[in-house]
Protein backbone atom coordinates (compact mmCIF):
# COMPACT_ATOMS: atom_id res chain seq x y z
CA MET A 1 -145.02 10.26 -53.63
CA LYS A 2 -143.63 10.42 -50.11
CA ASN A 3 -144.56 6.78 -49.40
CA LEU A 4 -143.03 5.67 -52.70
CA PHE A 5 -139.72 7.30 -51.66
CA ILE A 6 -139.68 5.49 -48.32
CA LEU A 7 -140.35 2.15 -50.00
CA LEU A 8 -137.57 2.71 -52.50
CA PHE A 9 -135.09 3.59 -49.69
CA ALA A 10 -135.94 0.47 -47.73
CA THR A 11 -135.42 -1.69 -50.79
CA ILE A 12 -132.01 -0.18 -51.41
CA PHE A 13 -131.03 -0.69 -47.69
CA VAL A 14 -132.03 -4.34 -47.69
CA SER A 15 -130.19 -4.90 -50.93
CA SER A 16 -127.10 -3.29 -49.44
CA CYS A 17 -127.21 -5.52 -46.30
CA SER A 18 -127.67 -8.67 -48.35
CA SER A 19 -124.41 -8.00 -50.14
CA ASP A 20 -122.39 -8.16 -46.82
CA ASP A 21 -119.09 -10.10 -47.24
CA ASN A 22 -119.92 -12.46 -44.27
CA TYR A 23 -123.05 -13.77 -45.81
CA ASP A 24 -122.90 -17.41 -46.94
CA PRO A 25 -126.00 -18.68 -48.69
CA ASN A 26 -124.82 -22.32 -48.26
CA PRO A 27 -123.26 -22.58 -44.75
CA GLU A 28 -121.26 -25.73 -43.85
CA PRO A 29 -122.56 -27.69 -40.83
CA ASP A 30 -120.53 -27.45 -37.60
CA VAL A 31 -117.67 -30.04 -37.49
CA GLU A 32 -117.57 -32.08 -34.27
CA ASN A 33 -114.04 -32.94 -33.08
CA SER A 34 -113.11 -36.59 -32.54
CA VAL A 35 -112.36 -35.89 -28.85
CA ARG A 36 -114.55 -33.31 -27.21
CA LEU A 37 -114.54 -31.59 -23.84
CA ARG A 38 -117.85 -31.34 -22.03
CA THR A 39 -118.70 -29.74 -18.71
CA ASP A 40 -120.73 -32.02 -16.45
CA ALA A 41 -122.62 -30.71 -13.44
CA THR A 42 -121.15 -33.41 -11.18
CA PHE A 43 -117.71 -34.21 -12.64
CA GLY A 44 -116.72 -30.94 -14.24
CA ASP A 45 -114.71 -31.22 -17.47
CA VAL A 46 -114.90 -34.69 -19.02
CA LEU A 47 -113.68 -36.19 -22.29
CA THR A 48 -116.19 -37.54 -24.80
CA ASN A 49 -116.12 -38.97 -28.28
CA THR A 50 -117.40 -37.03 -31.27
CA ASP A 51 -120.99 -38.05 -30.51
CA GLY A 52 -120.79 -36.84 -26.91
CA PHE A 53 -120.46 -40.27 -25.27
CA THR A 54 -118.26 -40.27 -22.15
CA LEU A 55 -114.73 -41.73 -22.17
CA TYR A 56 -113.23 -43.65 -19.23
CA PHE A 57 -109.95 -44.81 -17.61
CA PHE A 58 -109.42 -48.34 -16.22
CA ALA A 59 -107.44 -48.73 -12.94
CA PRO A 60 -105.52 -51.89 -14.00
CA ASP A 61 -104.01 -49.94 -16.93
CA ALA A 62 -101.37 -48.48 -14.59
CA LYS A 63 -98.50 -49.22 -16.97
CA GLY A 64 -100.28 -47.76 -19.99
CA ASP A 65 -101.25 -51.07 -21.58
CA ALA A 66 -104.91 -52.06 -22.05
CA ASN A 67 -106.21 -54.74 -19.70
CA CYS A 68 -109.91 -54.70 -20.56
CA LEU A 69 -110.00 -57.50 -23.13
CA GLY A 70 -112.34 -60.30 -24.24
CA GLY A 71 -115.73 -60.10 -22.57
CA CYS A 72 -114.70 -56.95 -20.70
CA ALA A 73 -114.30 -55.20 -24.06
CA ASP A 74 -117.90 -56.03 -24.97
CA VAL A 75 -119.06 -53.82 -22.09
CA TRP A 76 -116.19 -51.33 -22.29
CA PRO A 77 -115.30 -50.96 -25.97
CA GLU A 78 -111.89 -49.48 -26.73
CA PHE A 79 -111.90 -45.96 -28.14
CA PHE A 80 -109.83 -45.27 -31.24
CA VAL A 81 -109.73 -42.49 -33.81
CA GLU A 82 -107.28 -42.41 -36.67
CA GLU A 83 -107.55 -38.71 -37.38
CA LEU A 84 -107.46 -36.91 -34.03
CA THR A 85 -109.14 -33.52 -33.76
CA LEU A 86 -109.52 -31.86 -30.38
CA ASP A 87 -111.68 -29.32 -28.63
CA THR A 88 -110.02 -26.22 -27.23
CA GLY A 89 -108.40 -27.01 -23.87
CA LEU A 90 -106.96 -30.37 -24.97
CA ASP A 91 -103.30 -30.83 -25.96
CA GLN A 92 -102.33 -33.00 -28.93
CA SER A 93 -99.14 -34.14 -27.13
CA ASP A 94 -101.22 -35.83 -24.40
CA PHE A 95 -102.68 -38.31 -26.90
CA ALA A 96 -101.10 -41.42 -28.41
CA THR A 97 -102.04 -44.77 -29.92
CA ILE A 98 -101.22 -48.26 -28.63
CA THR A 99 -101.68 -51.73 -30.06
CA ARG A 100 -103.40 -54.05 -27.61
CA THR A 101 -102.50 -57.69 -27.04
CA ASP A 102 -105.68 -58.62 -28.94
CA GLY A 103 -104.39 -56.71 -31.97
CA GLN A 104 -106.81 -53.80 -31.68
CA THR A 105 -105.60 -50.21 -31.71
CA GLN A 106 -106.61 -47.80 -28.96
CA THR A 107 -106.21 -44.11 -28.27
CA THR A 108 -104.58 -43.07 -24.97
CA TYR A 109 -104.71 -39.83 -23.01
CA LYS A 110 -101.77 -38.99 -20.70
CA GLY A 111 -100.88 -42.67 -21.02
CA TRP A 112 -104.35 -43.94 -20.04
CA PRO A 113 -106.12 -46.13 -22.64
CA LEU A 114 -109.58 -44.68 -23.36
CA TYR A 115 -112.85 -46.62 -23.35
CA THR A 116 -116.57 -45.99 -23.79
CA PHE A 117 -119.28 -47.73 -21.73
CA ALA A 118 -122.07 -49.82 -23.25
CA ASN A 119 -124.49 -48.80 -20.48
CA ASP A 120 -124.25 -45.13 -21.38
CA ALA A 121 -127.38 -45.15 -23.55
CA GLN A 122 -127.32 -41.48 -24.47
CA ALA A 123 -124.73 -38.83 -25.07
CA GLY A 124 -123.83 -37.02 -21.86
CA GLU A 125 -124.54 -39.95 -19.52
CA ILE A 126 -121.83 -41.00 -17.00
CA ASN A 127 -123.00 -44.34 -15.66
CA GLY A 128 -119.59 -46.02 -15.55
CA ASP A 129 -117.63 -43.95 -13.02
CA GLY A 130 -116.81 -46.04 -9.96
CA ALA A 131 -117.95 -49.32 -11.54
CA GLY A 132 -116.18 -52.18 -9.81
CA GLY A 133 -114.01 -49.64 -8.04
CA THR A 134 -111.81 -49.64 -11.14
CA TRP A 135 -113.50 -47.37 -13.73
CA PHE A 136 -113.16 -43.59 -13.67
CA VAL A 137 -114.48 -40.94 -16.00
CA ALA A 138 -111.69 -39.55 -18.19
CA LYS A 139 -110.84 -35.98 -17.20
CA PRO A 140 -108.12 -33.55 -18.26
CA ASP A 141 -107.60 -32.10 -14.77
CA TYR A 142 -106.89 -35.09 -12.53
CA SER A 143 -104.08 -34.43 -10.03
CA LEU A 144 -104.10 -37.97 -8.62
CA MET A 145 -105.39 -41.34 -9.73
CA LEU A 146 -106.11 -44.72 -8.16
CA VAL A 147 -104.68 -47.77 -9.96
CA ARG A 148 -104.56 -51.52 -9.39
CA SER A 149 -101.53 -53.62 -10.26
CA GLN A 150 -99.05 -56.19 -9.01
CA LEU A 151 -96.44 -54.73 -6.64
CA VAL A 152 -92.90 -55.62 -7.73
CA GLY A 153 -90.39 -54.52 -5.10
CA ARG A 154 -86.70 -54.07 -5.86
CA ASP A 155 -84.33 -54.26 -2.88
CA SER A 156 -81.03 -52.44 -2.39
CA ASN A 157 -79.19 -55.26 -4.19
CA GLY A 158 -81.44 -54.99 -7.24
CA ASN A 159 -83.38 -58.19 -6.55
CA GLU A 160 -87.04 -58.05 -7.63
CA THR A 161 -89.86 -59.77 -5.73
CA ASN A 162 -93.61 -59.82 -6.29
CA LEU A 163 -95.25 -58.47 -3.14
CA ASN A 164 -98.81 -58.53 -1.87
CA SER A 165 -100.68 -55.74 -0.11
CA ALA A 166 -99.00 -56.71 3.18
CA PHE A 167 -95.60 -56.22 1.46
CA GLU A 168 -94.82 -59.91 1.77
CA PRO A 169 -93.82 -62.16 -1.15
CA GLY A 170 -96.90 -63.08 -3.14
CA ASP A 171 -99.01 -62.41 -6.23
CA GLU A 172 -101.87 -59.96 -5.74
CA ASP A 173 -103.20 -56.95 -7.61
CA THR A 174 -103.10 -54.05 -5.15
CA PHE A 175 -104.75 -50.64 -5.34
CA TYR A 176 -102.47 -47.64 -4.90
CA ILE A 177 -102.35 -43.91 -5.57
CA THR A 178 -100.39 -42.39 -8.45
CA ASP A 179 -100.00 -38.97 -9.95
CA ASP A 180 -102.05 -38.04 -13.02
CA ARG A 181 -99.69 -39.95 -15.32
CA GLY A 182 -99.48 -43.19 -13.37
CA ASN A 183 -96.29 -42.56 -11.39
CA THR A 184 -96.42 -44.35 -8.04
CA LEU A 185 -96.55 -42.39 -4.77
CA TYR A 186 -95.10 -43.67 -1.50
CA HIS A 187 -94.83 -42.83 2.18
CA PHE A 188 -91.94 -43.36 4.59
CA SER A 189 -92.81 -45.72 7.43
CA ASN A 190 -90.90 -43.60 9.95
CA ASP A 191 -92.70 -40.35 9.16
CA LYS A 192 -95.38 -38.99 11.49
CA ASN A 193 -98.66 -37.19 10.92
CA GLY A 194 -97.77 -34.08 8.95
CA LYS A 195 -94.06 -34.60 9.76
CA ASN A 196 -91.39 -35.48 7.21
CA ASN A 197 -88.65 -37.36 9.09
CA PHE A 198 -86.70 -38.32 5.97
CA THR A 199 -85.74 -35.30 3.90
CA ALA A 200 -82.46 -33.64 4.86
CA GLN A 201 -82.49 -29.87 5.36
CA ASP A 202 -80.15 -29.42 2.40
CA PHE A 203 -82.27 -31.85 0.33
CA SER A 204 -79.16 -33.98 -0.24
CA ASN A 205 -81.31 -37.16 -0.16
CA ASP A 206 -84.15 -35.74 -2.23
CA GLY A 207 -82.66 -37.26 -5.36
CA VAL A 208 -83.52 -40.78 -4.19
CA TRP A 209 -86.93 -40.05 -2.68
CA PRO A 210 -88.12 -36.68 -4.05
CA ILE A 211 -90.86 -35.04 -2.04
CA PHE A 212 -94.10 -34.89 -4.04
CA HIS A 213 -96.28 -31.86 -4.43
CA THR A 214 -99.09 -30.97 -6.78
CA GLU A 215 -101.96 -28.54 -6.62
CA ILE A 216 -105.05 -30.65 -6.07
CA GLN A 217 -107.58 -30.03 -8.82
CA LYS A 218 -109.59 -33.20 -9.35
CA ILE A 219 -108.97 -36.69 -8.01
CA ALA A 220 -110.39 -40.11 -8.82
CA SER A 221 -113.90 -40.27 -7.35
CA ALA A 222 -112.95 -43.14 -5.00
CA LEU A 223 -110.56 -40.81 -3.16
CA ASN A 224 -111.58 -38.24 -0.56
CA ALA A 225 -110.17 -34.75 -1.05
CA ASP A 226 -110.33 -34.16 2.72
CA ASP A 227 -107.60 -36.80 3.20
CA PHE A 228 -105.05 -34.56 1.49
CA ALA A 229 -103.18 -31.60 2.92
CA ILE A 230 -99.98 -29.64 2.38
CA ILE A 231 -97.01 -29.30 4.75
CA ASP A 232 -93.88 -27.18 4.61
CA VAL A 233 -90.55 -29.03 4.40
CA PHE A 234 -87.63 -26.63 4.74
CA GLY A 235 -89.40 -24.05 2.60
CA GLN A 236 -90.85 -26.45 0.03
CA SER A 237 -94.41 -27.76 -0.14
CA GLN A 238 -95.19 -31.46 0.21
CA LEU A 239 -98.56 -33.13 -0.26
CA THR A 240 -99.79 -35.48 2.47
CA TYR A 241 -102.41 -38.25 2.41
CA LYS A 242 -104.03 -39.20 5.72
CA GLY A 243 -101.17 -37.32 7.33
CA TRP A 244 -98.43 -39.24 5.47
CA PRO A 245 -95.99 -37.05 3.48
CA LEU A 246 -95.86 -38.25 -0.13
CA TYR A 247 -92.75 -39.13 -2.18
CA THR A 248 -91.83 -40.52 -5.57
CA PHE A 249 -88.94 -42.96 -6.11
CA SER A 250 -86.01 -42.31 -8.42
CA GLY A 251 -85.74 -46.05 -9.11
CA ASP A 252 -89.11 -46.06 -10.90
CA SER A 253 -88.12 -45.45 -14.52
CA ASN A 254 -91.51 -45.96 -16.17
CA ARG A 255 -95.15 -45.23 -15.37
CA GLY A 256 -96.64 -48.06 -13.34
CA ASP A 257 -93.30 -49.06 -11.78
CA ASN A 258 -93.59 -49.58 -8.03
CA TYR A 259 -90.10 -50.85 -7.22
CA GLY A 260 -89.87 -48.55 -4.19
CA VAL A 261 -92.02 -50.89 -2.07
CA GLY A 262 -89.03 -53.23 -1.85
CA PHE A 263 -86.30 -50.66 -1.23
CA PRO A 264 -84.08 -51.10 0.67
CA THR A 265 -86.28 -53.89 2.05
CA ALA A 266 -90.01 -54.45 1.80
CA GLY A 267 -92.26 -52.39 4.08
CA ILE A 268 -90.09 -49.33 4.64
CA TRP A 269 -91.65 -47.35 1.75
CA PRO A 270 -95.27 -48.52 1.35
CA ILE A 271 -97.72 -47.41 -1.31
CA LEU A 272 -100.94 -45.65 -0.26
CA ASN A 273 -104.58 -46.51 -0.90
CA LEU A 274 -108.04 -46.39 0.68
CA ASP A 275 -106.93 -48.91 3.34
CA THR A 276 -103.95 -46.82 4.47
CA GLU A 277 -104.32 -45.93 8.14
CA GLU A 278 -103.87 -42.41 9.43
CA ALA A 279 -100.25 -41.54 10.10
CA PRO A 280 -99.44 -41.66 13.83
CA GLU A 281 -99.05 -38.42 15.70
CA ASP A 282 -95.53 -37.30 16.50
CA ASP A 283 -95.10 -37.94 20.22
CA GLY A 284 -91.41 -37.12 20.13
CA GLY A 285 -90.44 -40.77 20.50
CA SER A 286 -88.97 -41.06 17.03
CA GLN A 287 -87.69 -37.53 16.59
CA GLN A 288 -84.37 -37.03 14.89
CA ALA A 289 -81.80 -37.41 17.65
CA ARG A 290 -78.57 -36.50 15.94
CA VAL A 291 -76.80 -35.81 12.66
CA PHE A 292 -73.40 -37.46 12.14
CA GLU A 293 -70.93 -36.07 9.61
CA VAL A 294 -68.92 -39.02 8.27
CA THR A 295 -65.66 -38.75 6.33
CA ASN A 296 -62.71 -41.10 5.91
CA VAL A 297 -58.97 -41.39 6.52
CA GLY A 298 -57.87 -43.07 3.32
CA ALA A 299 -58.83 -46.72 3.49
CA SER A 300 -57.94 -47.03 7.17
CA ALA A 301 -60.81 -45.48 9.12
CA TYR A 302 -64.08 -43.56 9.17
CA LYS A 303 -64.06 -40.22 10.99
CA PHE A 304 -67.03 -38.63 12.78
CA ASP A 305 -67.44 -34.95 13.48
CA PHE A 306 -68.01 -35.37 17.24
CA THR A 307 -64.64 -36.94 18.07
CA GLY A 308 -61.05 -37.31 16.97
CA VAL A 309 -61.20 -41.07 17.55
CA ASP A 310 -60.96 -43.16 14.39
CA ASN A 311 -63.80 -45.65 13.85
CA ALA A 312 -65.59 -44.29 16.92
CA GLU A 313 -68.20 -46.31 18.74
CA LEU A 314 -71.78 -45.10 18.35
CA GLU A 315 -74.55 -45.38 20.89
CA LEU A 316 -78.03 -45.19 19.32
CA THR A 317 -81.38 -45.32 21.08
CA ARG A 318 -84.27 -47.49 19.95
CA GLY A 319 -87.09 -45.44 18.46
CA LYS A 320 -84.84 -42.49 17.61
CA THR A 321 -83.88 -41.33 14.13
CA TYR A 322 -80.26 -40.64 13.18
CA GLU A 323 -78.90 -39.04 10.05
CA PHE A 324 -75.49 -39.94 8.63
CA LYS A 325 -74.16 -37.44 6.12
CA VAL A 326 -71.54 -39.54 4.38
CA ASN A 327 -68.73 -38.05 2.33
CA SER A 328 -66.34 -40.93 1.75
CA PRO A 329 -66.03 -41.49 -2.03
CA GLY A 330 -65.05 -45.06 -2.85
CA HIS A 331 -65.92 -46.28 0.65
CA PRO A 332 -69.61 -47.26 0.86
CA PHE A 333 -70.82 -46.92 4.47
CA LEU A 334 -72.88 -49.97 5.45
CA ILE A 335 -74.82 -50.65 8.63
CA LYS A 336 -74.61 -54.40 9.21
CA SER A 337 -75.44 -57.13 11.69
CA VAL A 338 -72.04 -58.80 11.15
CA ASN A 339 -68.65 -57.09 11.17
CA SER A 340 -67.60 -58.10 7.66
CA THR A 341 -66.97 -56.50 4.29
CA GLY A 342 -69.20 -57.00 1.27
CA THR A 343 -72.93 -56.43 1.09
CA ASP A 344 -74.09 -59.55 2.94
CA ASN A 345 -75.72 -59.16 6.36
CA THR A 346 -76.69 -55.53 5.79
CA PHE A 347 -79.13 -54.31 8.44
CA ASN A 348 -81.84 -52.48 6.50
CA ASP A 349 -84.68 -52.43 9.01
CA GLY A 350 -85.37 -48.72 9.45
CA VAL A 351 -82.37 -47.79 7.27
CA THR A 352 -82.70 -45.72 4.11
CA ASN A 353 -79.92 -45.44 1.54
CA ASN A 354 -77.72 -47.98 3.31
CA GLY A 355 -74.33 -48.30 1.63
CA THR A 356 -73.97 -44.81 0.22
CA ALA A 357 -70.48 -43.37 -0.16
CA ASP A 358 -71.68 -39.86 -0.90
CA GLY A 359 -75.13 -39.05 0.43
CA THR A 360 -77.39 -39.31 3.44
CA ILE A 361 -78.33 -42.43 5.38
CA LEU A 362 -81.34 -42.19 7.67
CA PHE A 363 -81.65 -44.76 10.45
CA THR A 364 -84.75 -44.95 12.64
CA VAL A 365 -83.71 -47.62 15.14
CA PRO A 366 -86.48 -50.24 15.41
CA ASP A 367 -87.64 -51.46 18.80
CA ASN A 368 -86.44 -54.98 18.01
CA ALA A 369 -82.96 -53.96 16.90
CA PRO A 370 -80.17 -56.13 18.37
CA ASP A 371 -77.92 -54.73 21.09
CA ILE A 372 -74.93 -54.60 18.74
CA LEU A 373 -74.68 -53.57 15.11
CA TYR A 374 -71.69 -52.45 13.07
CA TYR A 375 -70.78 -49.91 10.44
CA ILE A 376 -68.17 -50.97 7.95
CA CYS A 377 -66.85 -50.10 4.51
CA GLU A 378 -68.02 -52.44 1.78
CA PHE A 379 -64.40 -52.99 0.69
CA HIS A 380 -62.06 -52.29 3.65
CA GLY A 381 -62.33 -54.16 6.94
CA SER A 382 -60.14 -51.59 8.69
CA MET A 383 -62.94 -49.02 8.29
CA ALA A 384 -65.35 -50.40 10.88
CA GLY A 385 -66.88 -49.64 14.25
CA ARG A 386 -69.40 -50.85 16.78
CA ILE A 387 -72.93 -49.49 17.20
CA ARG A 388 -74.43 -50.14 20.62
CA ILE A 389 -78.23 -50.08 20.62
CA VAL A 390 -79.86 -49.08 23.92
CA ASP A 391 -83.32 -48.33 25.28
CA GLU A 392 -84.25 -44.80 26.26
CA ASP A 393 -84.33 -45.52 30.03
CA GLU A 394 -81.62 -48.18 30.07
CA THR A 395 -78.50 -47.95 32.25
CA PRO A 396 -75.77 -49.68 30.21
CA SER A 397 -73.63 -51.92 32.39
CA PHE A 398 -70.18 -53.29 31.57
CA GLN A 399 -68.16 -56.06 33.22
CA VAL A 400 -64.45 -55.20 33.39
CA THR A 401 -61.68 -57.76 33.80
CA ASN A 402 -58.07 -57.62 32.67
CA SER A 403 -55.56 -59.37 30.48
CA GLY A 404 -52.51 -59.22 32.73
CA ALA A 405 -51.09 -55.71 32.69
CA THR A 406 -51.70 -55.17 28.98
CA ALA A 407 -55.39 -54.46 28.65
CA TYR A 408 -58.77 -54.09 30.29
CA VAL A 409 -61.30 -56.56 28.89
CA PHE A 410 -64.97 -55.49 28.60
CA SER A 411 -68.11 -57.58 28.31
CA GLY A 412 -71.82 -56.89 28.64
CA ASP A 413 -74.28 -54.59 26.92
CA GLY A 414 -74.20 -56.75 23.83
CA PHE A 415 -70.49 -57.41 23.33
CA SER A 416 -67.83 -59.54 24.97
CA ASP A 417 -64.08 -59.73 25.49
CA ALA A 418 -63.23 -56.36 23.94
CA ASP A 419 -59.71 -55.22 24.82
CA ASN A 420 -59.19 -51.54 25.67
CA THR A 421 -62.28 -50.62 23.65
CA ASN A 422 -63.25 -47.01 23.03
CA PHE A 423 -66.69 -45.85 24.14
CA THR A 424 -69.16 -43.14 23.20
CA PHE A 425 -71.40 -42.01 26.06
CA LYS A 426 -74.24 -39.48 26.20
CA ARG A 427 -74.53 -36.53 28.52
CA GLY A 428 -77.23 -37.05 31.13
CA LYS A 429 -77.12 -40.85 30.89
CA THR A 430 -75.80 -43.23 33.57
CA TYR A 431 -73.31 -46.06 32.98
CA THR A 432 -71.90 -48.65 35.37
CA PHE A 433 -68.65 -50.62 35.36
CA SER A 434 -68.49 -53.82 37.42
CA VAL A 435 -64.74 -54.01 37.93
CA ALA A 436 -62.85 -57.19 38.86
CA THR A 437 -59.22 -56.26 38.15
CA PRO A 438 -57.17 -56.84 41.31
CA GLY A 439 -54.03 -54.71 41.31
CA HIS A 440 -55.26 -52.56 38.40
CA PRO A 441 -57.35 -49.64 39.69
CA PHE A 442 -59.75 -48.42 36.98
CA ILE A 443 -59.76 -44.60 36.85
CA ILE A 444 -61.84 -42.25 34.66
CA LYS A 445 -59.64 -39.25 33.88
CA SER A 446 -59.51 -36.01 31.88
CA VAL A 447 -55.89 -36.68 30.86
CA GLN A 448 -54.61 -39.99 29.53
CA GLY A 449 -51.83 -40.69 31.99
CA THR A 450 -51.10 -43.07 34.87
CA GLY A 451 -51.27 -42.07 38.52
CA THR A 452 -54.20 -40.54 40.32
CA GLY A 453 -53.86 -36.99 39.03
CA ASN A 454 -56.53 -35.56 36.71
CA ALA A 455 -59.14 -38.05 37.89
CA PHE A 456 -62.58 -36.95 36.59
CA ASN A 457 -64.90 -37.35 39.56
CA ASP A 458 -67.85 -35.20 38.48
CA GLY A 459 -70.76 -37.68 38.41
CA VAL A 460 -68.45 -40.62 39.16
CA THR A 461 -68.92 -42.85 42.21
CA ASN A 462 -66.12 -45.16 43.42
CA ASN A 463 -63.65 -43.91 40.80
CA GLY A 464 -60.38 -45.87 40.87
CA ALA A 465 -61.84 -49.15 42.16
CA ALA A 466 -60.03 -52.36 41.28
CA SER A 467 -62.89 -54.45 42.67
CA GLY A 468 -66.45 -53.16 42.85
CA THR A 469 -68.89 -51.03 40.86
CA ILE A 470 -68.12 -47.62 39.41
CA THR A 471 -71.16 -45.54 38.47
CA PHE A 472 -70.80 -42.68 36.01
CA GLN A 473 -73.68 -40.25 35.47
CA ILE A 474 -72.43 -38.05 32.64
CA PRO A 475 -72.83 -34.37 33.58
CA GLN A 476 -74.15 -31.92 31.00
CA ASN A 477 -70.91 -29.96 31.13
CA ALA A 478 -68.65 -32.97 30.67
CA PRO A 479 -65.84 -32.44 28.14
CA ASP A 480 -66.07 -34.08 24.72
CA THR A 481 -63.26 -36.49 25.52
CA LEU A 482 -62.39 -38.44 28.65
CA PHE A 483 -60.27 -41.53 29.27
CA TYR A 484 -60.13 -44.63 31.44
CA ILE A 485 -56.71 -45.92 32.45
CA CYS A 486 -55.05 -48.14 35.01
CA GLU A 487 -53.38 -46.23 37.83
CA PHE A 488 -50.13 -48.13 37.21
CA HIS A 489 -50.06 -49.39 33.61
CA GLY A 490 -50.38 -47.02 30.65
CA SER A 491 -51.12 -49.90 28.24
CA MET A 492 -54.49 -50.45 29.97
CA THR A 493 -56.44 -47.51 28.57
CA GLY A 494 -59.14 -46.29 26.20
CA THR A 495 -61.04 -43.19 25.13
CA ILE A 496 -64.55 -42.14 26.18
CA SER A 497 -66.14 -39.74 23.68
CA ILE A 498 -68.99 -37.68 25.16
CA ILE A 499 -71.88 -36.47 22.99
CA ASP A 500 -75.24 -34.81 23.56
């Protein structure tokens, strides 16, 4: 009787369990999504089709169009699904559909057309990554990619030119690094290893060349993660590659655009790839030397913060970097090789943002810069001044003659026959005047008046000579403004602005 009771209880218990609400006597088979996410031991998360076959990106598809066509498509068939279903971790908004030039439709991910590989014989295989240096396994967590496309530079005048990998006119598909969505990355040719020499402290020029930063997750397998690092730029992070700080370009409107390689002229903002050499170490030779604040007096003159002289002369040193913070609305500030209005003859070698009327111009003076350049308004010839270019250890020398009793006439150091010109000299530097002005003693003074009073003799040798050489080694404590003037004739005079 006891055993019969136990058997009856067990039967009732089993019957009770079998009536559970979750029980389905005819379960549906698991549904595989059309795009799946699989974890690979080598590559981490990778995209696959519904059958588990790996999906790939193609480097020439930088602009988001498919370039694997014809025979290429026999080996790398396009991937397309009409009804997209996704594994957890994938975002529907990252997918789209394109129509190829051969009429086929293809699914894209983050703008990259997706392909399978004929040599992946079984689900889970990844035999195509790195093939030809152009195929990369499709992943959801790339931070950077490597693409291959024609470089099309756009200069400061809007002219477009096909460029080769040497940034010279020519047709050539060039490899370069982009972000995960195909936006081109650049470096500034005047930067140094781990040193951003372009971005202004107030980020006033960041709108044209924004600094680029991303947290490195995964990168295309051709790239080496050890080549990337992070630097601090006035409190913001910037990614570097082989020491070069990375930027994007505001002139690139669409993925795959690489117009920045031509702006303002070719070679100033190169792309980066496996052939990019390590950025040079900062030896101090191209450090930022000075910041100039530039405003205007109507349409008559530019004004600089270091002097009260209108259209002041500038002395810049080869290899140094200068920043011009321009605030002259309606009066574009151009650095030019010819003293003329308009946009012809602009000097863009080493110059970024040339011609701005409200922004920052950066000028790293190249070693082959001419002795004389000019700044001038695009529209008003009265807003112009001379830029003397000197070497670091050079002693500028001027020949001084006279035009009767009306003016001193200066030649040498790159210019000639300049009447009563104003100068800008640097503290600590030496200048010489070879004077041949009989009857017109040439005096450097602290007050602009005739006679011999107020002569400034600190660092000056042979001051007041009418025939001979005057040497002027600018002392560190020199005032911001000095003058030269004839002892007898007040019309023979000019201003010497002194800067650090």
